Amino acid sequence: MHTDFADKFGIPRQSGLVPELRGRIVFASAYSRPDALRGLEAFSHIWLLWDFSEAKKSDGKGWSATVRPPRLGGNRRMGVFATRSPFRPNPIGLSCVKLEAVYADRQPVELEVSGIDLLDGTPIFDIKPYIPFADCHPDATEGYTAETKQHWLEVVFPDALLAALPMELHTVVTAILAQDPRPGYADDPERLYGIVYAGYDIKFTVADGVLTVCAVVPLSEKG
């Protein structure tokens, strides 16, 4: 997967939260066969199975039976199989993304997708079509996620700083910031945060539900 996210901080916690986010899936040579994509263009969405390649535990202890979901404040523990934590017995991620284009006439073949939640360079294990009558369950219950799903920030992006970004990034960067990249337990209005996206370091603070952008610095200027 190729995306504009060079760092984990700022990536949406679920696919589809920021529809404007796009990425490209480039097939390894052993699988770059146009016939393998025959019929895929008829589907609007696909499932991606992928590797949490940058989420390995550093303490050498492996996986834990319980984890602390950030959106619950970082203090409440839930069973690992009741969460989408990257720290799992098998670190496999699952994302539903919109299929924008199939480039079967290229070598290597590529897919363009949107609504992504993946870091640049994420290994993709498998791709499957999303089938609405089988995969959508309108009567499904939300569990503890019902407490956290409506969590969006008002974004104040001064015109002078917004102008430092290419125009095509204005909407997508604002949407990334609005979904609140901070851990759920972070609530320090004086703290300066930063996300790295599309070659820019975007600094911001958050107070009383309002995110204010403080600086936009091209990475090329940081040395």
C-alpha atoms as a PDB file:
ATOM      1  CA  MET A   1       0.000   0.000   0.000  1.00  0.00           C
ATOM      2  CA  HIS A   2       1.254   3.446  -0.921  1.00  0.00           C
ATOM      3  CA  THR A   3      -0.209   6.409   0.977  1.00  0.00           C
ATOM      4  CA  ASP A   4       0.859   9.900   2.087  1.00  0.00           C
ATOM      5  CA  PHE A   5       1.173   8.775   5.722  1.00  0.00           C
ATOM      6  CA  ALA A   6       4.833   8.385   6.668  1.00  0.00           C
ATOM      7  CA  ASP A   7       4.009   8.093  10.383  1.00  0.00           C
ATOM      8  CA  LYS A   8       1.293   6.274  12.355  1.00  0.00           C
ATOM      9  CA  PHE A   9       0.135   9.375  14.246  1.00  0.00           C
ATOM     10  CA  GLY A  10      -2.809  10.949  12.444  1.00  0.00           C
ATOM     11  CA  ILE A  11      -3.966   7.875  10.543  1.00  0.00           C
ATOM     12  CA  PRO A  12      -7.746   7.411  10.993  1.00  0.00           C
ATOM     13  CA  ARG A  13      -8.561   4.679  13.507  1.00  0.00           C
ATOM     14  CA  GLN A  14     -10.956   3.004  11.095  1.00  0.00           C
ATOM     15  CA  SER A  15     -11.327   2.872   7.349  1.00  0.00           C
ATOM     16  CA  GLY A  16     -13.982   5.135   5.856  1.00  0.00           C
ATOM     17  CA  LEU A  17     -13.713   7.875   8.509  1.00  0.00           C
ATOM     18  CA  VAL A  18     -12.017  10.191   6.012  1.00  0.00           C
ATOM     19  CA  PRO A  19     -13.428   9.308   2.564  1.00  0.00           C
ATOM     20  CA  GLU A  20     -11.060  11.754   0.846  1.00  0.00           C
ATOM     21  CA  LEU A  21      -7.949   9.773   1.817  1.00  0.00           C
ATOM     22  CA  ARG A  22      -6.579   7.849  -1.167  1.00  0.00           C
ATOM     23  CA  GLY A  23      -3.947   5.182  -1.620  1.00  0.00           C
ATOM     24  CA  ARG A  24      -2.552   2.800  -4.234  1.00  0.00           C
ATOM     25  CA  ILE A  25      -2.130  -0.939  -3.913  1.00  0.00           C
ATOM     26  CA  VAL A  26       0.796  -2.095  -6.050  1.00  0.00           C
ATOM     27  CA  PHE A  27       1.032  -5.832  -6.626  1.00  0.00           C
ATOM     28  CA  ALA A  28       4.230  -7.787  -6.087  1.00  0.00           C
ATOM     29  CA  SER A  29       5.538  -9.366  -9.266  1.00  0.00           C
ATOM     30  CA  ALA A  30       4.369 -12.890  -8.357  1.00  0.00           C
ATOM     31  CA  TYR A  31       0.757 -11.665  -8.160  1.00  0.00           C
ATOM     32  CA  SER A  32       0.784  -8.933 -10.804  1.00  0.00           C
ATOM     33  CA  ARG A  33      -1.516 -10.751 -13.201  1.00  0.00           C
ATOM     34  CA  PRO A  34      -4.393  -8.903 -14.909  1.00  0.00           C
ATOM     35  CA  ASP A  35      -6.507 -12.068 -14.926  1.00  0.00           C
ATOM     36  CA  ALA A  36      -6.429 -12.117 -11.116  1.00  0.00           C
ATOM     37  CA  LEU A  37      -8.432  -8.863 -11.115  1.00  0.00           C
ATOM     38  CA  ARG A  38     -11.030  -9.925 -13.672  1.00  0.00           C
ATOM     39  CA  GLY A  39     -14.488  -8.869 -12.447  1.00  0.00           C
ATOM     40  CA  LEU A  40     -13.208  -6.788  -9.518  1.00  0.00           C
ATOM     41  CA  GLU A  41     -14.088  -3.519 -11.263  1.00  0.00           C
ATOM     42  CA  ALA A  42     -17.798  -4.356 -10.858  1.00  0.00           C
ATOM     43  CA  PHE A  43     -17.559  -3.929  -7.071  1.00  0.00           C
ATOM     44  CA  SER A  44     -17.649  -0.512  -5.408  1.00  0.00           C
ATOM     45  CA  HIS A  45     -15.825  -1.583  -2.223  1.00  0.00           C
ATOM     46  CA  ILE A  46     -13.255  -4.175  -1.213  1.00  0.00           C
ATOM     47  CA  TRP A  47     -11.906  -5.743   1.954  1.00  0.00           C
ATOM     48  CA  LEU A  48      -8.182  -5.520   2.652  1.00  0.00           C
ATOM     49  CA  LEU A  49      -6.381  -7.919   4.969  1.00  0.00           C
ATOM     50  CA  TRP A  50      -3.039  -6.465   5.984  1.00  0.00           C
ATOM     51  CA  ASP A  51      -0.116  -6.600   8.387  1.00  0.00           C
ATOM     52  CA  PHE A  52       0.271  -4.305  11.404  1.00  0.00           C
ATOM     53  CA  SER A  53       3.919  -4.138  10.355  1.00  0.00           C
ATOM     54  CA  GLU A  54       4.808  -1.107  12.493  1.00  0.00           C
ATOM     55  CA  ALA A  55       2.949  -2.154  15.637  1.00  0.00           C
ATOM     56  CA  LYS A  56       5.254  -4.766  17.134  1.00  0.00           C
ATOM     57  CA  LYS A  57       5.576  -4.704  20.924  1.00  0.00           C
ATOM     58  CA  SER A  58       8.998  -3.517  22.058  1.00  0.00           C
ATOM     59  CA  ASP A  59       8.999  -5.159  25.500  1.00  0.00           C
ATOM     60  CA  GLY A  60       9.409  -8.670  24.103  1.00  0.00           C
ATOM     61  CA  LYS A  61       6.382  -9.935  26.044  1.00  0.00           C
ATOM     62  CA  GLY A  62       4.186 -10.592  23.048  1.00  0.00           C
ATOM     63  CA  TRP A  63       0.424 -10.135  23.094  1.00  0.00           C
ATOM     64  CA  SER A  64      -1.810  -9.427  26.079  1.00  0.00           C
ATOM     65  CA  ALA A  65      -5.293 -10.822  26.745  1.00  0.00           C
ATOM     66  CA  THR A  66      -6.583  -7.318  27.516  1.00  0.00           C
ATOM     67  CA  VAL A  67      -5.848  -3.908  26.024  1.00  0.00           C
ATOM     68  CA  ARG A  68      -6.818  -0.318  26.769  1.00  0.00           C
ATOM     69  CA  PRO A  69      -8.647   1.266  23.808  1.00  0.00           C
ATOM     70  CA  PRO A  70      -7.444   4.892  23.445  1.00  0.00           C
ATOM     71  CA  ARG A  71     -10.939   6.214  22.753  1.00  0.00           C
ATOM     72  CA  LEU A  72     -12.075   4.952  26.174  1.00  0.00           C
ATOM     73  CA  GLY A  73      -9.511   7.177  27.864  1.00  0.00           C
ATOM     74  CA  GLY A  74      -6.683   4.658  28.057  1.00  0.00           C
ATOM     75  CA  ASN A  75      -7.728   3.314  31.459  1.00  0.00           C
ATOM     76  CA  ARG A  76     -10.533   0.834  30.792  1.00  0.00           C
ATOM     77  CA  ARG A  77      -9.444  -2.640  29.733  1.00  0.00           C
ATOM     78  CA  MET A  78     -11.209  -4.759  27.139  1.00  0.00           C
ATOM     79  CA  GLY A  79     -10.427  -8.218  25.828  1.00  0.00           C
ATOM     80  CA  VAL A  80      -8.098  -8.042  22.836  1.00  0.00           C
ATOM     81  CA  PHE A  81     -10.647  -9.893  20.687  1.00  0.00           C
ATOM     82  CA  ALA A  82     -13.262  -7.264  21.596  1.00  0.00           C
ATOM     83  CA  THR A  83     -11.062  -4.524  20.119  1.00  0.00           C
ATOM     84  CA  ARG A  84      -9.221  -3.645  16.950  1.00  0.00           C
ATOM     85  CA  SER A  85      -5.936  -3.138  18.755  1.00  0.00           C
ATOM     86  CA  PRO A  86      -2.858  -3.765  16.579  1.00  0.00           C
ATOM     87  CA  PHE A  87      -1.240  -5.739  19.413  1.00  0.00           C
ATOM     88  CA  ARG A  88      -2.782  -9.151  18.768  1.00  0.00           C
ATOM     89  CA  PRO A  89      -1.666 -12.795  18.696  1.00  0.00           C
ATOM     90  CA  ASN A  90      -1.611 -12.434  14.898  1.00  0.00           C
ATOM     91  CA  PRO A  91      -1.234  -8.742  13.941  1.00  0.00           C
ATOM     92  CA  ILE A  92      -3.670  -8.784  11.017  1.00  0.00           C
ATOM     93  CA  GLY A  93      -5.693  -5.704  10.118  1.00  0.00           C
ATOM     94  CA  LEU A  94      -9.012  -5.526   8.248  1.00  0.00           C
ATOM     95  CA  SER A  95     -10.214  -2.504   6.289  1.00  0.00           C
ATOM     96  CA  CYS A  96     -13.151  -1.853   3.995  1.00  0.00           C
ATOM     97  CA  VAL A  97     -12.210   0.721   1.354  1.00  0.00           C
ATOM     98  CA  LYS A  98     -13.826   2.155  -1.748  1.00  0.00           C
ATOM     99  CA  LEU A  99     -12.429   0.881  -5.036  1.00  0.00           C
ATOM    100  CA  GLU A 100     -11.794   3.927  -7.215  1.00  0.00           C
ATOM    101  CA  ALA A 101      -9.937   2.370 -10.140  1.00  0.00           C
ATOM    102  CA  VAL A 102      -8.439  -0.903 -11.387  1.00  0.00           C
ATOM    103  CA  TYR A 103      -5.267  -0.569 -13.472  1.00  0.00           C
ATOM    104  CA  ALA A 104      -4.925  -4.045 -14.915  1.00  0.00           C
ATOM    105  CA  ASP A 105      -3.148  -2.723 -18.011  1.00  0.00           C
ATOM    106  CA  ARG A 106      -0.079  -1.679 -16.007  1.00  0.00           C
ATOM    107  CA  GLN A 107       2.889  -3.646 -14.818  1.00  0.00           C
ATOM    108  CA  PRO A 108       2.816  -4.016 -11.941  1.00  0.00           C
ATOM    109  CA  VAL A 109      -0.980  -3.906 -11.772  1.00  0.00           C
ATOM    110  CA  GLU A 110      -2.467  -1.406  -9.329  1.00  0.00           C
ATOM    111  CA  LEU A 111      -5.667  -0.538  -7.505  1.00  0.00           C
ATOM    112  CA  GLU A 112      -6.620   2.965  -6.432  1.00  0.00           C
ATOM    113  CA  VAL A 113      -8.723   3.061  -3.264  1.00  0.00           C
ATOM    114  CA  SER A 114     -10.169   5.686  -0.901  1.00  0.00           C
ATOM    115  CA  GLY A 115     -11.224   5.868   2.730  1.00  0.00           C
ATOM    116  CA  ILE A 116      -7.916   4.325   3.772  1.00  0.00           C
ATOM    117  CA  ASP A 117      -6.484   3.902   7.273  1.00  0.00           C
ATOM    118  CA  LEU A 118      -3.052   2.562   6.353  1.00  0.00           C
ATOM    119  CA  LEU A 119       0.555   3.629   6.649  1.00  0.00           C
ATOM    120  CA  ASP A 120       2.709   3.933   3.548  1.00  0.00           C
ATOM    121  CA  GLY A 121       4.390   0.606   2.840  1.00  0.00           C
ATOM    122  CA  THR A 122       1.836  -1.546   4.691  1.00  0.00           C
ATOM    123  CA  PRO A 123       1.956  -5.134   3.386  1.00  0.00           C
ATOM    124  CA  ILE A 124      -1.386  -6.323   1.982  1.00  0.00           C
ATOM    125  CA  PHE A 125      -2.082 -10.028   2.522  1.00  0.00           C
ATOM    126  CA  ASP A 126      -5.319 -10.375   0.565  1.00  0.00           C
ATOM    127  CA  ILE A 127      -8.125  -8.543  -1.229  1.00  0.00           C
ATOM    128  CA  LYS A 128     -11.768  -9.622  -1.274  1.00  0.00           C
ATOM    129  CA  PRO A 129     -14.890  -7.969  -2.726  1.00  0.00           C
ATOM    130  CA  TYR A 130     -17.312  -6.313  -0.323  1.00  0.00           C
ATOM    131  CA  ILE A 131     -20.745  -7.893  -0.816  1.00  0.00           C
ATOM    132  CA  PRO A 132     -23.533  -5.679   0.615  1.00  0.00           C
ATOM    133  CA  PHE A 133     -26.184  -8.337   1.275  1.00  0.00           C
ATOM    134  CA  ALA A 134     -23.665 -10.557   3.044  1.00  0.00           C
ATOM    135  CA  ASP A 135     -21.329  -8.056   4.701  1.00  0.00           C
ATOM    136  CA  CYS A 136     -23.765  -5.373   5.868  1.00  0.00           C
ATOM    137  CA  HIS A 137     -25.839  -6.025   8.997  1.00  0.00           C
ATOM    138  CA  PRO A 138     -28.020  -2.984   9.834  1.00  0.00           C
ATOM    139  CA  ASP A 139     -29.229  -4.629  13.065  1.00  0.00           C
ATOM    140  CA  ALA A 140     -25.704  -5.129  14.443  1.00  0.00           C
ATOM    141  CA  THR A 141     -25.003  -3.796  17.950  1.00  0.00           C
ATOM    142  CA  GLU A 142     -22.123  -1.409  18.604  1.00  0.00           C
ATOM    143  CA  GLY A 143     -20.808  -2.529  21.987  1.00  0.00           C
ATOM    144  CA  TYR A 144     -18.688   0.054  23.791  1.00  0.00           C
ATOM    145  CA  THR A 145     -17.970   1.868  20.504  1.00  0.00           C
ATOM    146  CA  ALA A 146     -21.380   3.542  20.836  1.00  0.00           C
ATOM    147  CA  GLU A 147     -19.717   5.747  23.488  1.00  0.00           C
ATOM    148  CA  THR A 148     -17.019   7.041  21.182  1.00  0.00           C
ATOM    149  CA  LYS A 149     -18.256   7.070  17.584  1.00  0.00           C
ATOM    150  CA  GLN A 150     -19.347  10.733  17.593  1.00  0.00           C
ATOM    151  CA  HIS A 151     -15.955  12.214  18.343  1.00  0.00           C
ATOM    152  CA  TRP A 152     -15.079  15.064  16.015  1.00  0.00           C
ATOM    153  CA  LEU A 153     -13.305  18.349  16.540  1.00  0.00           C
ATOM    154  CA  GLU A 154     -13.929  21.798  15.144  1.00  0.00           C
ATOM    155  CA  VAL A 155     -10.836  22.746  13.123  1.00  0.00           C
ATOM    156  CA  VAL A 156      -9.496  26.305  13.037  1.00  0.00           C
ATOM    157  CA  PHE A 157      -7.026  26.522  10.171  1.00  0.00           C
ATOM    158  CA  PRO A 158      -5.723  30.086   9.701  1.00  0.00           C
ATOM    159  CA  ASP A 159      -5.789  31.145   6.066  1.00  0.00           C
ATOM    160  CA  ALA A 160      -2.067  31.889   5.962  1.00  0.00           C
ATOM    161  CA  LEU A 161      -1.222  28.381   7.183  1.00  0.00           C
ATOM    162  CA  LEU A 162      -3.777  26.702   4.937  1.00  0.00           C
ATOM    163  CA  ALA A 163      -2.196  28.501   1.994  1.00  0.00           C
ATOM    164  CA  ALA A 164       1.109  26.786   2.837  1.00  0.00           C
ATOM    165  CA  LEU A 165      -0.457  23.523   1.665  1.00  0.00           C
ATOM    166  CA  PRO A 166      -1.233  22.686  -1.966  1.00  0.00           C
ATOM    167  CA  MET A 167      -4.920  23.351  -2.625  1.00  0.00           C
ATOM    168  CA  GLU A 168      -5.630  19.680  -3.311  1.00  0.00           C
ATOM    169  CA  LEU A 169      -4.639  18.879   0.298  1.00  0.00           C
ATOM    170  CA  HIS A 170      -6.885  21.448   2.012  1.00  0.00           C
ATOM    171  CA  THR A 171      -9.973  19.250   2.382  1.00  0.00           C
ATOM    172  CA  VAL A 172      -8.214  15.998   3.229  1.00  0.00           C
ATOM    173  CA  VAL A 173      -5.873  17.509   5.850  1.00  0.00           C
ATOM    174  CA  THR A 174      -8.770  19.319   7.527  1.00  0.00           C
ATOM    175  CA  ALA A 175     -10.723  16.040   7.626  1.00  0.00           C
ATOM    176  CA  ILE A 176      -7.754  14.162   9.136  1.00  0.00           C
ATOM    177  CA  LEU A 177      -7.479  16.758  11.902  1.00  0.00           C
ATOM    178  CA  ALA A 178     -11.240  16.814  12.561  1.00  0.00           C
ATOM    179  CA  GLN A 179     -11.310  13.110  13.475  1.00  0.00           C
ATOM    180  CA  ASP A 180      -8.895  13.921  16.368  1.00  0.00           C
ATOM    181  CA  PRO A 181      -5.557  12.125  16.014  1.00  0.00           C
ATOM    182  CA  ARG A 182      -4.781  12.371  19.755  1.00  0.00           C
ATOM    183  CA  PRO A 183      -4.978   9.405  22.149  1.00  0.00           C
ATOM    184  CA  GLY A 184      -8.277   9.401  24.049  1.00  0.00           C
ATOM    185  CA  TYR A 185      -6.524  10.130  27.340  1.00  0.00           C
ATOM    186  CA  ALA A 186      -4.747  13.254  26.035  1.00  0.00           C
ATOM    187  CA  ASP A 187      -6.399  16.480  27.189  1.00  0.00           C
ATOM    188  CA  ASP A 188      -3.652  19.068  27.641  1.00  0.00           C
ATOM    189  CA  PRO A 189      -4.604  22.353  25.948  1.00  0.00           C
ATOM    190  CA  GLU A 190      -0.987  23.532  26.107  1.00  0.00           C
ATOM    191  CA  ARG A 191       0.493  20.493  24.379  1.00  0.00           C
ATOM    192  CA  LEU A 192       1.674  20.896  20.804  1.00  0.00           C
ATOM    193  CA  TYR A 193       0.912  17.908  18.557  1.00  0.00           C
ATOM    194  CA  GLY A 194       2.035  17.225  15.023  1.00  0.00           C
ATOM    195  CA  ILE A 195       1.074  14.948  12.159  1.00  0.00           C
ATOM    196  CA  VAL A 196       3.217  14.234   9.116  1.00  0.00           C
ATOM    197  CA  TYR A 197       1.237  13.957   5.904  1.00  0.00           C
ATOM    198  CA  ALA A 198       2.156  14.331   2.217  1.00  0.00           C
ATOM    199  CA  GLY A 199       5.543  15.834   3.049  1.00  0.00           C
ATOM    200  CA  TYR A 200       4.305  18.399   5.589  1.00  0.00           C
ATOM    201  CA  ASP A 201       4.594  18.576   9.387  1.00  0.00           C
ATOM    202  CA  ILE A 202       1.339  20.083  10.658  1.00  0.00           C
ATOM    203  CA  LYS A 203       1.413  21.321  14.271  1.00  0.00           C
ATOM    204  CA  PHE A 204      -1.719  21.934  16.341  1.00  0.00           C
ATOM    205  CA  THR A 205      -3.233  22.313  19.798  1.00  0.00           C
ATOM    206  CA  VAL A 206      -6.651  21.218  21.089  1.00  0.00           C
ATOM    207  CA  ALA A 207      -8.767  22.970  23.725  1.00  0.00           C
ATOM    208  CA  ASP A 208     -12.492  22.633  24.497  1.00  0.00           C
ATOM    209  CA  GLY A 209     -13.193  20.597  21.383  1.00  0.00           C
ATOM    210  CA  VAL A 210     -11.457  23.026  19.043  1.00  0.00           C
ATOM    211  CA  LEU A 211      -8.284  22.085  17.152  1.00  0.00           C
ATOM    212  CA  THR A 212      -6.164  25.056  16.133  1.00  0.00           C
ATOM    213  CA  VAL A 213      -3.406  24.662  13.559  1.00  0.00           C
ATOM    214  CA  CYS A 214      -0.242  26.488  14.665  1.00  0.00           C
ATOM    215  CA  ALA A 215       2.300  25.697  11.965  1.00  0.00           C
ATOM    216  CA  VAL A 216       2.691  24.000   8.591  1.00  0.00           C
ATOM    217  CA  VAL A 217       6.293  23.116   7.771  1.00  0.00           C
ATOM    218  CA  PRO A 218       7.450  21.294   4.625  1.00  0.00           C
ATOM    219  CA  LEU A 219       9.660  18.383   5.625  1.00  0.00           C
ATOM    220  CA  SER A 220      12.173  19.542   3.035  1.00  0.00           C
ATOM    221  CA  GLU A 221      12.832  22.593   5.219  1.00  0.00           C
ATOM    222  CA  LYS A 222      13.440  20.625   8.394  1.00  0.00           C
ATOM    223  CA  GLY A 223      16.701  19.122   7.181  1.00  0.00           C
END
